[in-house]
Protein backbone atom coordinates (compact mmCIF):
# COMPACT_ATOMS: atom_id res chain seq x y z
CA MET A 1 0.00 0.00 0.00
CA THR A 2 1.12 3.49 -0.69
CA ASP A 3 -0.19 7.03 -0.53
CA SER A 4 1.00 9.13 -3.43
CA PRO A 5 -0.29 12.58 -4.38
CA GLY A 6 0.73 11.88 -7.99
CA PHE A 7 -2.35 9.74 -8.62
CA THR A 8 -5.45 11.21 -10.26
CA PHE A 9 -8.40 9.08 -9.15
CA THR A 10 -11.72 8.64 -10.93
CA ARG A 11 -14.92 6.74 -10.18
CA ALA A 12 -17.12 4.62 -12.38
CA ALA A 13 -20.12 6.48 -13.81
CA ALA A 14 -22.49 4.57 -11.49
CA CYS A 15 -20.62 5.96 -8.48
CA ARG A 16 -20.87 9.58 -9.54
CA ASP A 17 -24.49 9.66 -8.36
CA LYS A 18 -24.63 11.53 -5.02
CA ARG A 19 -26.88 8.78 -3.60
CA VAL A 20 -24.12 6.21 -4.07
CA ASN A 21 -21.17 6.28 -1.70
CA ASN A 22 -18.30 4.02 -0.74
CA CYS A 23 -17.10 3.45 -4.30
CA PRO A 24 -13.77 2.20 -5.56
CA GLU A 25 -11.66 4.86 -7.24
CA ILE A 26 -9.02 4.04 -9.83
CA ALA A 27 -5.98 5.97 -11.04
CA LEU A 28 -4.29 5.09 -14.32
CA ASN A 29 -2.20 8.23 -14.82
CA VAL A 30 1.12 6.83 -13.55
CA PRO A 31 2.73 4.69 -16.27
CA GLY A 32 2.94 1.00 -15.39
CA THR A 33 0.87 1.43 -12.23
CA VAL A 34 -2.80 1.02 -11.41
CA ALA A 35 -3.86 2.53 -8.08
CA ILE A 36 -7.12 1.78 -6.30
CA ARG A 37 -8.68 3.24 -3.17
CA ASP A 38 -12.00 3.31 -1.33
CA SER A 39 -13.79 6.66 -1.57
CA GLU A 40 -14.48 6.51 2.18
CA ARG A 41 -10.79 5.85 2.98
CA PRO A 42 -8.88 7.93 0.41
CA GLY A 43 -5.67 7.82 2.42
CA VAL A 44 -5.24 4.08 1.81
CA VAL A 45 -4.01 3.42 -1.72
CA VAL A 46 -3.20 -0.01 -3.13
CA THR A 47 -1.04 -0.19 -6.23
CA MET A 48 -0.45 -2.96 -8.75
CA THR A 49 1.00 -3.45 -12.19
CA ALA A 50 -1.19 -3.36 -15.29
CA ASP A 51 -0.81 -7.15 -15.59
CA GLN A 52 -1.92 -7.65 -12.00
CA TRP A 53 -4.91 -5.37 -12.65
CA ARG A 54 -5.89 -7.44 -15.71
CA THR A 55 -5.64 -10.64 -13.65
CA LEU A 56 -7.80 -9.14 -10.91
CA ALA A 57 -10.39 -7.80 -13.38
CA THR A 58 -10.60 -11.18 -15.13
CA ALA A 59 -11.10 -12.96 -11.80
CA VAL A 60 -13.82 -10.52 -10.72
CA LYS A 61 -15.63 -10.89 -14.06
CA ALA A 62 -15.43 -14.68 -13.72
CA GLY A 63 -17.12 -14.52 -10.31
CA GLU A 64 -14.14 -15.65 -8.23
CA PHE A 65 -14.93 -13.05 -5.59
CA ASP A 66 -18.72 -13.32 -5.69
CA LEU A 67 -19.81 -12.87 -2.07
CA SER A 68 -23.31 -14.14 -2.79
CA ALA A 69 -22.07 -17.58 -3.80
């Protein structure tokens, strides 16, 4: 985990609604690094490589982390 002011975070469109809170925020502006944080805990930033991000995204899409299962 790291906290770097060089990241520019953005939210998914669904999270931009004021009624939705506690959304993941992603930063892609630092070459070779993907940063993710929780909108309610912006001081905690987790970083990973682009390859690690792709692996995570693929696993999420495949349902590996489905909490309802």
